PDB file of N, CA and C in Angstrom:
ATOM      1  N   MET A   1     184.412 134.981 171.566  1.00  0.00           N
ATOM      2  CA  MET A   1     183.389 136.005 171.594  1.00  0.00           C
ATOM      3  C   MET A   1     182.186 135.485 172.398  1.00  0.00           C
ATOM      4  N   GLU A   2     181.661 136.325 173.256  1.00  0.00           N
ATOM      5  CA  GLU A   2     180.509 135.949 174.066  1.00  0.00           C
ATOM      6  C   GLU A   2     179.274 135.796 173.188  1.00  0.00           C
ATOM      7  N   LYS A   3     178.529 134.711 173.413  1.00  0.00           N
ATOM      8  CA  LYS A   3     177.288 134.471 172.688  1.00  0.00           C
ATOM      9  C   LYS A   3     176.130 134.935 173.558  1.00  0.00           C
ATOM     10  N   ILE A   4     175.208 135.691 172.954  1.00  0.00           N
ATOM     11  CA  ILE A   4     174.075 136.213 173.717  1.00  0.00           C
ATOM     12  C   ILE A   4     172.757 135.932 172.999  1.00  0.00           C
ATOM     13  N   ALA A   5     171.696 135.962 173.778  1.00  0.00           N
ATOM     14  CA  ALA A   5     170.328 135.929 173.276  1.00  0.00           C
ATOM     15  C   ALA A   5     169.624 137.162 173.840  1.00  0.00           C
ATOM     16  N   ILE A   6     168.803 137.781 173.036  1.00  0.00           N
ATOM     17  CA  ILE A   6     168.081 138.985 173.451  1.00  0.00           C
ATOM     18  C   ILE A   6     166.588 138.690 173.354  1.00  0.00           C
ATOM     19  N   PHE A   7     165.858 138.992 174.419  1.00  0.00           N
ATOM     20  CA  PHE A   7     164.423 138.786 174.458  1.00  0.00           C
ATOM     21  C   PHE A   7     163.777 140.104 174.872  1.00  0.00           C
ATOM     22  N   VAL A   8     162.928 140.661 174.032  1.00  0.00           N
ATOM     23  CA  VAL A   8     162.312 141.960 174.308  1.00  0.00           C
ATOM     24  C   VAL A   8     160.792 141.828 174.311  1.00  0.00           C
ATOM     25  N   ASP A   9     160.177 142.230 175.400  1.00  0.00           N
ATOM     26  CA  ASP A   9     158.721 142.327 175.478  1.00  0.00           C
ATOM     27  C   ASP A   9     158.369 143.731 174.987  1.00  0.00           C
ATOM     28  N   VAL A  10     157.977 143.835 173.741  1.00  0.00           N
ATOM     29  CA  VAL A  10     157.807 145.126 173.064  1.00  0.00           C
ATOM     30  C   VAL A  10     156.806 146.029 173.785  1.00  0.00           C
ATOM     31  N   GLN A  11     155.652 145.502 174.183  1.00  0.00           N
ATOM     32  CA  GLN A  11     154.638 146.332 174.833  1.00  0.00           C
ATOM     33  C   GLN A  11     155.142 146.874 176.167  1.00  0.00           C
ATOM     34  N   ASN A  12     155.793 146.040 176.969  1.00  0.00           N
ATOM     35  CA  ASN A  12     156.307 146.515 178.256  1.00  0.00           C
ATOM     36  C   ASN A  12     157.379 147.573 178.076  1.00  0.00           C
ATOM     37  N   VAL A  13     158.272 147.386 177.115  1.00  0.00           N
ATOM     38  CA  VAL A  13     159.310 148.384 176.852  1.00  0.00           C
ATOM     39  C   VAL A  13     158.670 149.692 176.393  1.00  0.00           C
ATOM     40  N   TYR A  14     157.695 149.591 175.497  1.00  0.00           N
ATOM     41  CA  TYR A  14     157.028 150.796 174.970  1.00  0.00           C
ATOM     42  C   TYR A  14     156.374 151.603 176.092  1.00  0.00           C
ATOM     43  N   TYR A  15     155.529 150.936 176.877  1.00  0.00           N
ATOM     44  CA  TYR A  15     154.788 151.672 177.910  1.00  0.00           C
ATOM     45  C   TYR A  15     155.674 152.138 179.050  1.00  0.00           C
ATOM     46  N   THR A  16     156.666 151.373 179.429  1.00  0.00           N
ATOM     47  CA  THR A  16     157.582 151.797 180.485  1.00  0.00           C
ATOM     48  C   THR A  16     158.369 153.025 180.053  1.00  0.00           C
ATOM     49  N   THR A  17     158.901 152.988 178.842  1.00  0.00           N
ATOM     50  CA  THR A  17     159.683 154.120 178.333  1.00  0.00           C
ATOM     51  C   THR A  17     158.813 155.362 178.189  1.00  0.00           C
ATOM     52  N   LYS A  18     157.604 155.169 177.673  1.00  0.00           N
ATOM     53  CA  LYS A  18     156.691 156.295 177.467  1.00  0.00           C
ATOM     54  C   LYS A  18     156.267 156.918 178.793  1.00  0.00           C
ATOM     55  N   GLU A  19     155.866 156.080 179.759  1.00  0.00           N
ATOM     56  CA  GLU A  19     155.357 156.592 181.025  1.00  0.00           C
ATOM     57  C   GLU A  19     156.455 157.132 181.942  1.00  0.00           C
ATOM     58  N   LYS A  20     157.567 156.415 182.020  1.00  0.00           N
ATOM     59  CA  LYS A  20     158.626 156.810 182.957  1.00  0.00           C
ATOM     60  C   LYS A  20     159.513 157.932 182.409  1.00  0.00           C
ATOM     61  N   TYR A  21     159.827 157.860 181.108  1.00  0.00           N
ATOM     62  CA  TYR A  21     160.786 158.818 180.538  1.00  0.00           C
ATOM     63  C   TYR A  21     160.172 159.768 179.522  1.00  0.00           C
ATOM     64  N   ARG A  22     158.895 159.558 179.194  1.00  0.00           N
ATOM     65  CA  ARG A  22     158.222 160.380 178.173  1.00  0.00           C
ATOM     66  C   ARG A  22     159.044 160.407 176.883  1.00  0.00           C
ATOM     67  N   ALA A  23     159.479 159.232 176.476  1.00  0.00           N
ATOM     68  CA  ALA A  23     160.342 159.113 175.292  1.00  0.00           C
ATOM     69  C   ALA A  23     160.013 157.822 174.548  1.00  0.00           C
ATOM     70  N   ASN A  24     160.595 157.690 173.372  1.00  0.00           N
ATOM     71  CA  ASN A  24     160.500 156.458 172.597  1.00  0.00           C
ATOM     72  C   ASN A  24     161.769 155.649 172.810  1.00  0.00           C
ATOM     73  N   PHE A  25     161.642 154.339 172.775  1.00  0.00           N
ATOM     74  CA  PHE A  25     162.787 153.456 172.919  1.00  0.00           C
ATOM     75  C   PHE A  25     163.468 153.313 171.567  1.00  0.00           C
ATOM     76  N   ASP A  26     164.780 153.500 171.524  1.00  0.00           N
ATOM     77  CA  ASP A  26     165.540 153.422 170.280  1.00  0.00           C
ATOM     78  C   ASP A  26     166.118 152.014 170.122  1.00  0.00           C
ATOM     79  N   TYR A  27     165.421 151.171 169.363  1.00  0.00           N
ATOM     80  CA  TYR A  27     165.857 149.781 169.187  1.00  0.00           C
ATOM     81  C   TYR A  27     167.174 149.682 168.432  1.00  0.00           C
ATOM     82  N   ASN A  28     167.433 150.603 167.505  1.00  0.00           N
ATOM     83  CA  ASN A  28     168.713 150.585 166.788  1.00  0.00           C
ATOM     84  C   ASN A  28     169.872 150.847 167.746  1.00  0.00           C
ATOM     85  N   GLN A  29     169.719 151.824 168.608  1.00  0.00           N
ATOM     86  CA  GLN A  29     170.765 152.137 169.585  1.00  0.00           C
ATOM     87  C   GLN A  29     170.929 150.989 170.580  1.00  0.00           C
ATOM     88  N   PHE A  30     169.804 150.436 171.026  1.00  0.00           N
ATOM     89  CA  PHE A  30     169.860 149.296 171.930  1.00  0.00           C
ATOM     90  C   PHE A  30     170.646 148.152 171.298  1.00  0.00           C
ATOM     91  N   TRP A  31     170.334 147.837 170.037  1.00  0.00           N
ATOM     92  CA  TRP A  31     171.015 146.732 169.335  1.00  0.00           C
ATOM     93  C   TRP A  31     172.514 147.011 169.242  1.00  0.00           C
ATOM     94  N   TYR A  32     172.852 148.243 168.898  1.00  0.00           N
ATOM     95  CA  TYR A  32     174.259 148.621 168.764  1.00  0.00           C
ATOM     96  C   TYR A  32     175.013 148.401 170.078  1.00  0.00           C
ATOM     97  N   VAL A  33     174.456 148.880 171.177  1.00  0.00           N
ATOM     98  CA  VAL A  33     175.115 148.770 172.480  1.00  0.00           C
ATOM     99  C   VAL A  33     175.130 147.321 172.967  1.00  0.00           C
ATOM    100  N   ALA A  34     174.007 146.637 172.839  1.00  0.00           N
ATOM    101  CA  ALA A  34     173.883 145.284 173.390  1.00  0.00           C
ATOM    102  C   ALA A  34     174.730 144.254 172.658  1.00  0.00           C
ATOM    103  N   THR A  35     174.969 144.486 171.377  1.00  0.00           N
ATOM    104  CA  THR A  35     175.651 143.458 170.579  1.00  0.00           C
ATOM    105  C   THR A  35     177.125 143.744 170.330  1.00  0.00           C
ATOM    106  N   GLN A  36     177.597 144.884 170.763  1.00  0.00           N
ATOM    107  CA  GLN A  36     178.993 145.239 170.517  1.00  0.00           C
ATOM    108  C   GLN A  36     179.933 144.210 171.134  1.00  0.00           C
ATOM    109  N   GLY A  37     180.737 143.572 170.284  1.00  0.00           N
ATOM    110  CA  GLY A  37     181.703 142.591 170.744  1.00  0.00           C
ATOM    111  C   GLY A  37     181.076 141.261 171.141  1.00  0.00           C
ATOM    112  N   ARG A  38     179.835 141.045 170.759  1.00  0.00           N
ATOM    113  CA  ARG A  38     179.139 139.814 171.117  1.00  0.00           C
ATOM    114  C   ARG A  38     178.527 139.185 169.869  1.00  0.00           C
ATOM    115  N   GLU A  39     178.335 137.878 169.937  1.00  0.00           N
ATOM    116  CA  GLU A  39     177.671 137.163 168.851  1.00  0.00           C
ATOM    117  C   GLU A  39     176.231 136.894 169.266  1.00  0.00           C
ATOM    118  N   VAL A  40     175.294 137.405 168.488  1.00  0.00           N
ATOM    119  CA  VAL A  40     173.877 137.193 168.773  1.00  0.00           C
ATOM    120  C   VAL A  40     173.463 135.869 168.148  1.00  0.00           C
ATOM    121  N   ILE A  41     173.064 134.932 169.000  1.00  0.00           N
ATOM    122  CA  ILE A  41     172.620 133.646 168.449  1.00  0.00           C
ATOM    123  C   ILE A  41     171.103 133.573 168.379  1.00  0.00           C
ATOM    124  N   GLN A  42     170.440 134.482 169.083  1.00  0.00           N
ATOM    125  CA  GLN A  42     168.984 134.535 169.044  1.00  0.00           C
ATOM    126  C   GLN A  42     168.554 135.915 169.507  1.00  0.00           C
ATOM    127  N   ALA A  43     167.593 136.505 168.807  1.00  0.00           N
ATOM    128  CA  ALA A  43     167.053 137.803 169.201  1.00  0.00           C
ATOM    129  C   ALA A  43     165.566 137.816 168.873  1.00  0.00           C
ATOM    130  N   ASN A  44     164.761 137.756 169.905  1.00  0.00           N
ATOM    131  CA  ASN A  44     163.316 137.739 169.714  1.00  0.00           C
ATOM    132  C   ASN A  44     162.686 138.992 170.297  1.00  0.00           C
ATOM    133  N   ALA A  45     161.771 139.580 169.529  1.00  0.00           N
ATOM    134  CA  ALA A  45     160.947 140.688 170.000  1.00  0.00           C
ATOM    135  C   ALA A  45     159.518 140.165 170.045  1.00  0.00           C
ATOM    136  N   TYR A  46     158.912 140.193 171.208  1.00  0.00           N
ATOM    137  CA  TYR A  46     157.574 139.654 171.414  1.00  0.00           C
ATOM    138  C   TYR A  46     156.582 140.808 171.381  1.00  0.00           C
ATOM    139  N   ALA A  47     155.639 140.751 170.439  1.00  0.00           N
ATOM    140  CA  ALA A  47     154.698 141.844 170.237  1.00  0.00           C
ATOM    141  C   ALA A  47     153.286 141.294 170.036  1.00  0.00           C
ATOM    142  N   ILE A  48     152.345 142.210 169.926  1.00  0.00           N
ATOM    143  CA  ILE A  48     150.949 141.859 169.718  1.00  0.00           C
ATOM    144  C   ILE A  48     150.609 142.059 168.242  1.00  0.00           C
ATOM    145  N   ALA A  49     149.956 141.059 167.659  1.00  0.00           N
ATOM    146  CA  ALA A  49     149.550 141.134 166.255  1.00  0.00           C
ATOM    147  C   ALA A  49     148.524 142.253 166.081  1.00  0.00           C
ATOM    148  N   SER A  50     148.598 142.924 164.943  1.00  0.00           N
ATOM    149  CA  SER A  50     147.694 144.034 164.680  1.00  0.00           C
ATOM    150  C   SER A  50     147.502 144.209 163.177  1.00  0.00           C
ATOM    151  N   ASN A  51     146.335 144.705 162.814  1.00  0.00           N
ATOM    152  CA  ASN A  51     146.088 145.054 161.415  1.00  0.00           C
ATOM    153  C   ASN A  51     146.403 146.516 161.148  1.00  0.00           C
ATOM    154  N   ASP A  52     146.777 147.235 162.178  1.00  0.00           N
ATOM    155  CA  ASP A  52     147.133 148.650 162.040  1.00  0.00           C
ATOM    156  C   ASP A  52     148.407 148.770 161.208  1.00  0.00           C
ATOM    157  N   PRO A  53     148.359 149.517 160.108  1.00  0.00           N
ATOM    158  CA  PRO A  53     149.539 149.646 159.240  1.00  0.00           C
ATOM    159  C   PRO A  53     150.787 150.161 159.967  1.00  0.00           C
ATOM    160  N   LYS A  54     150.616 151.062 160.934  1.00  0.00           N
ATOM    161  CA  LYS A  54     151.775 151.584 161.675  1.00  0.00           C
ATOM    162  C   LYS A  54     152.414 150.495 162.529  1.00  0.00           C
ATOM    163  N   GLN A  55     151.582 149.659 163.152  1.00  0.00           N
ATOM    164  CA  GLN A  55     152.113 148.559 163.958  1.00  0.00           C
ATOM    165  C   GLN A  55     152.836 147.546 163.076  1.00  0.00           C
ATOM    166  N   ARG A  56     152.244 147.238 161.939  1.00  0.00           N
ATOM    167  CA  ARG A  56     152.864 146.283 161.020  1.00  0.00           C
ATOM    168  C   ARG A  56     154.193 146.829 160.497  1.00  0.00           C
ATOM    169  N   GLN A  57     154.252 148.126 160.227  1.00  0.00           N
ATOM    170  CA  GLN A  57     155.497 148.755 159.802  1.00  0.00           C
ATOM    171  C   GLN A  57     156.540 148.680 160.914  1.00  0.00           C
ATOM    172  N   PHE A  58     156.111 148.897 162.147  1.00  0.00           N
ATOM    173  CA  PHE A  58     157.018 148.805 163.282  1.00  0.00           C
ATOM    174  C   PHE A  58     157.587 147.393 163.408  1.00  0.00           C
ATOM    175  N   HIS A  59     156.757 146.379 163.229  1.00  0.00           N
ATOM    176  CA  HIS A  59     157.238 144.986 163.269  1.00  0.00           C
ATOM    177  C   HIS A  59     158.285 144.761 162.180  1.00  0.00           C
ATOM    178  N   HIS A  60     158.051 145.348 161.021  1.00  0.00           N
ATOM    179  CA  HIS A  60     159.013 145.237 159.917  1.00  0.00           C
ATOM    180  C   HIS A  60     160.341 145.909 160.294  1.00  0.00           C
ATOM    181  N   ILE A  61     160.274 147.049 160.948  1.00  0.00           N
ATOM    182  CA  ILE A  61     161.481 147.754 161.399  1.00  0.00           C
ATOM    183  C   ILE A  61     162.256 146.895 162.391  1.00  0.00           C
ATOM    184  N   LEU A  62     161.546 146.262 163.323  1.00  0.00           N
ATOM    185  CA  LEU A  62     162.215 145.378 164.287  1.00  0.00           C
ATOM    186  C   LEU A  62     162.948 144.250 163.573  1.00  0.00           C
ATOM    187  N   ARG A  63     162.329 143.702 162.537  1.00  0.00           N
ATOM    188  CA  ARG A  63     162.994 142.647 161.755  1.00  0.00           C
ATOM    189  C   ARG A  63     164.252 143.203 161.090  1.00  0.00           C
ATOM    190  N   GLY A  64     164.184 144.427 160.604  1.00  0.00           N
ATOM    191  CA  GLY A  64     165.333 145.061 159.979  1.00  0.00           C
ATOM    192  C   GLY A  64     166.478 145.295 160.946  1.00  0.00           C
ATOM    193  N   VAL A  65     166.146 145.558 162.195  1.00  0.00           N
ATOM    194  CA  VAL A  65     167.171 145.748 163.226  1.00  0.00           C
ATOM    195  C   VAL A  65     167.910 144.439 163.467  1.00  0.00           C
ATOM    196  N   GLY A  66     167.172 143.311 163.372  1.00  0.00           N
ATOM    197  CA  GLY A  66     167.795 142.008 163.586  1.00  0.00           C
ATOM    198  C   GLY A  66     166.964 141.047 164.415  1.00  0.00           C
ATOM    199  N   PHE A  67     165.780 141.477 164.824  1.00  0.00           N
ATOM    200  CA  PHE A  67     164.927 140.650 165.664  1.00  0.00           C
ATOM    201  C   PHE A  67     164.059 139.698 164.845  1.00  0.00           C
ATOM    202  N   ASN A  68     163.826 138.532 165.416  1.00  0.00           N
ATOM    203  CA  ASN A  68     162.766 137.652 164.962  1.00  0.00           C
ATOM    204  C   ASN A  68     161.536 138.127 165.733  1.00  0.00           C
ATOM    205  N   VAL A  69     160.491 138.544 165.042  1.00  0.00           N
ATOM    206  CA  VAL A  69     159.312 139.093 165.706  1.00  0.00           C
ATOM    207  C   VAL A  69     158.285 137.983 165.911  1.00  0.00           C
ATOM    208  N   GLU A  70     157.981 137.732 167.173  1.00  0.00           N
ATOM    209  CA  GLU A  70     156.968 136.743 167.547  1.00  0.00           C
ATOM    210  C   GLU A  70     155.693 137.522 167.871  1.00  0.00           C
ATOM    211  N   LEU A  71     154.585 137.140 167.223  1.00  0.00           N
ATOM    212  CA  LEU A  71     153.329 137.855 167.424  1.00  0.00           C
ATOM    213  C   LEU A  71     152.309 136.984 168.146  1.00  0.00           C
ATOM    214  N   LYS A  72     151.561 137.632 169.026  1.00  0.00           N
ATOM    215  CA  LYS A  72     150.506 136.968 169.776  1.00  0.00           C
ATOM    216  C   LYS A  72     149.228 137.778 169.548  1.00  0.00           C
ATOM    217  N   PRO A  73     148.081 137.107 169.402  1.00  0.00           N
ATOM    218  CA  PRO A  73     146.852 137.878 169.156  1.00  0.00           C
ATOM    219  C   PRO A  73     146.429 138.697 170.368  1.00  0.00           C
ATOM    220  N   PHE A  74     145.833 139.830 170.086  1.00  0.00           N
ATOM    221  CA  PHE A  74     145.254 140.680 171.122  1.00  0.00           C
ATOM    222  C   PHE A  74     143.844 140.164 171.365  1.00  0.00           C
ATOM    223  N   ILE A  75     143.514 139.885 172.606  1.00  0.00           N
ATOM    224  CA  ILE A  75     142.200 139.326 172.928  1.00  0.00           C
ATOM    225  C   ILE A  75     141.405 140.342 173.732  1.00  0.00           C
ATOM    226  N   GLN A  76     140.278 140.771 173.173  1.00  0.00           N
ATOM    227  CA  GLN A  76     139.365 141.683 173.868  1.00  0.00           C
ATOM    228  C   GLN A  76     138.223 140.843 174.428  1.00  0.00           C
ATOM    229  N   ARG A  77     138.065 140.849 175.733  1.00  0.00           N
ATOM    230  CA  ARG A  77     137.029 140.048 176.377  1.00  0.00           C
ATOM    231  C   ARG A  77     135.694 140.800 176.398  1.00  0.00           C
ATOM    232  N   ARG A  78     134.616 140.061 176.562  1.00  0.00           N
ATOM    233  CA  ARG A  78     133.269 140.656 176.597  1.00  0.00           C
ATOM    234  C   ARG A  78     133.104 141.663 177.720  1.00  0.00           C
ATOM    235  N   ASP A  79     133.816 141.426 178.824  1.00  0.00           N
ATOM    236  CA  ASP A  79     133.680 142.339 179.965  1.00  0.00           C
ATOM    237  C   ASP A  79     134.485 143.625 179.785  1.00  0.00           C
ATOM    238  N   GLY A  80     135.164 143.761 178.631  1.00  0.00           N
ATOM    239  CA  GLY A  80     135.939 144.969 178.351  1.00  0.00           C
ATOM    240  C   GLY A  80     137.408 144.846 178.672  1.00  0.00           C
ATOM    241  N   SER A  81     137.770 143.839 179.440  1.00  0.00           N
ATOM    242  CA  SER A  81     139.185 143.646 179.738  1.00  0.00           C
ATOM    243  C   SER A  81     139.896 143.090 178.511  1.00  0.00           C
ATOM    244  N   ALA A  82     141.193 143.168 178.517  1.00  0.00           N
ATOM    245  CA  ALA A  82     141.977 142.723 177.365  1.00  0.00           C
ATOM    246  C   ALA A  82     143.162 141.900 177.831  1.00  0.00           C
ATOM    247  N   LYS A  83     143.606 141.028 176.940  1.00  0.00           N
ATOM    248  CA  LYS A  83     144.791 140.216 177.217  1.00  0.00           C
ATOM    249  C   LYS A  83     145.650 140.227 175.973  1.00  0.00           C
ATOM    250  N   GLY A  84     146.918 140.394 176.156  1.00  0.00           N
ATOM    251  CA  GLY A  84     147.818 140.395 175.024  1.00  0.00           C
ATOM    252  C   GLY A  84     149.259 140.357 175.473  1.00  0.00           C
ATOM    253  N   ASP A  85     149.467 140.093 176.757  1.00  0.00           N
ATOM    254  CA  ASP A  85     150.828 140.143 177.275  1.00  0.00           C
ATOM    255  C   ASP A  85     151.585 138.850 176.975  1.00  0.00           C
ATOM    256  N   TRP A  86     152.893 138.957 176.970  1.00  0.00           N
ATOM    257  CA  TRP A  86     153.792 137.859 176.631  1.00  0.00           C
ATOM    258  C   TRP A  86     154.551 137.319 177.835  1.00  0.00           C
ATOM    259  N   ASP A  87     154.317 137.819 179.027  1.00  0.00           N
ATOM    260  CA  ASP A  87     155.152 137.481 180.185  1.00  0.00           C
ATOM    261  C   ASP A  87     155.392 135.977 180.340  1.00  0.00           C
ATOM    262  N   VAL A  88     154.330 135.195 180.417  1.00  0.00           N
ATOM    263  CA  VAL A  88     154.468 133.756 180.612  1.00  0.00           C
ATOM    264  C   VAL A  88     155.057 133.111 179.356  1.00  0.00           C
ATOM    265  N   GLY A  89     154.660 133.587 178.191  1.00  0.00           N
ATOM    266  CA  GLY A  89     155.177 133.029 176.940  1.00  0.00           C
ATOM    267  C   GLY A  89     156.681 133.178 176.806  1.00  0.00           C
ATOM    268  N   ILE A  90     157.208 134.328 177.173  1.00  0.00           N
ATOM    269  CA  ILE A  90     158.649 134.565 177.092  1.00  0.00           C
ATOM    270  C   ILE A  90     159.377 133.634 178.061  1.00  0.00           C
ATOM    271  N   ALA A  91     158.870 133.544 179.276  1.00  0.00           N
ATOM    272  CA  ALA A  91     159.517 132.684 180.279  1.00  0.00           C
ATOM    273  C   ALA A  91     159.496 131.227 179.848  1.00  0.00           C
ATOM    274  N   SER A  92     158.363 130.750 179.342  1.00  0.00           N
ATOM    275  CA  SER A  92     158.287 129.350 178.949  1.00  0.00           C
ATOM    276  C   SER A  92     159.161 129.052 177.740  1.00  0.00           C
ATOM    277  N   MET A  93     159.270 129.991 176.799  1.00  0.00           N
ATOM    278  CA  MET A  93     160.147 129.783 175.649  1.00  0.00           C
ATOM    279  C   MET A  93     161.596 129.719 176.096  1.00  0.00           C
ATOM    280  N   ARG A  94     161.963 130.555 177.037  1.00  0.00           N
ATOM    281  CA  ARG A  94     163.343 130.583 177.530  1.00  0.00           C
ATOM    282  C   ARG A  94     163.677 129.290 178.273  1.00  0.00           C
ATOM    283  N   LEU A  95     162.733 128.783 179.016  1.00  0.00           N
ATOM    284  CA  LEU A  95     162.957 127.570 179.790  1.00  0.00           C
ATOM    285  C   LEU A  95     162.844 126.293 178.957  1.00  0.00           C
ATOM    286  N   SER A  96     162.344 126.412 177.736  1.00  0.00           N
ATOM    287  CA  SER A  96     162.120 125.225 176.920  1.00  0.00           C
ATOM    288  C   SER A  96     163.399 124.663 176.309  1.00  0.00           C
ATOM    289  N   GLY A  97     164.538 125.235 176.672  1.00  0.00           N
ATOM    290  CA  GLY A  97     165.808 124.684 176.211  1.00  0.00           C
ATOM    291  C   GLY A  97     166.267 125.222 174.873  1.00  0.00           C
ATOM    292  N   GLN A  98     165.965 126.482 174.601  1.00  0.00           N
ATOM    293  CA  GLN A  98     166.456 127.069 173.361  1.00  0.00           C
ATOM    294  C   GLN A  98     167.969 127.187 173.424  1.00  0.00           C
ATOM    295  N   LYS A  99     168.567 127.610 172.331  1.00  0.00           N
ATOM    296  CA  LYS A  99     170.024 127.663 172.172  1.00  0.00           C
ATOM    297  C   LYS A  99     170.731 128.188 173.412  1.00  0.00           C
ATOM    298  N   ARG A 100     171.871 127.616 173.717  1.00  0.00           N
ATOM    299  CA  ARG A 100     172.657 128.026 174.882  1.00  0.00           C
ATOM    300  C   ARG A 100     173.329 129.369 174.604  1.00  0.00           C
ATOM    301  N   SER A 101     173.179 130.255 175.563  1.00  0.00           N
ATOM    302  CA  SER A 101     173.764 131.576 175.435  1.00  0.00           C
ATOM    303  C   SER A 101     173.695 132.269 176.778  1.00  0.00           C
ATOM    304  N   THR A 102     174.304 133.431 176.846  1.00  0.00           N
ATOM    305  CA  THR A 102     174.160 134.293 177.997  1.00  0.00           C
ATOM    306  C   THR A 102     172.970 135.191 177.673  1.00  0.00           C
ATOM    307  N   PRO A 103     171.844 135.043 178.406  1.00  0.00           N
ATOM    308  CA  PRO A 103     170.698 135.868 178.069  1.00  0.00           C
ATOM    309  C   PRO A 103     170.947 137.342 178.376  1.00  0.00           C
ATOM    310  N   LEU A 104     170.512 138.200 177.493  1.00  0.00           N
ATOM    311  CA  LEU A 104     170.622 139.643 177.666  1.00  0.00           C
ATOM    312  C   LEU A 104     169.214 140.180 177.552  1.00  0.00           C
ATOM    313  N   TYR A 105     168.654 140.621 178.666  1.00  0.00           N
ATOM    314  CA  TYR A 105     167.254 141.076 178.688  1.00  0.00           C
ATOM    315  C   TYR A 105     167.200 142.567 178.615  1.00  0.00           C
TER     316      TYR A 105
END
């Protein structure tokens, strides 16, 4: 059986799906399709930490689907700009020699 790892940048998936398709991304359907006939050895969903009850509930749902949810703080700068993306973090975690698998992005 093929071994896979799944890495999801939650914010990028959310905004891309919303803006391009005017829809919500179905993580349950994604998991079903992506894992069929494969062994998941690692599944990380990278998201932004929040005190918003809806966001926290969403993180809980992702865990229920099968993801390990990695949270990063949202940083609001004095100049009004914000930082909260995971792009470099995901790449560095992947390159740090985590479990061997066929990555499925």
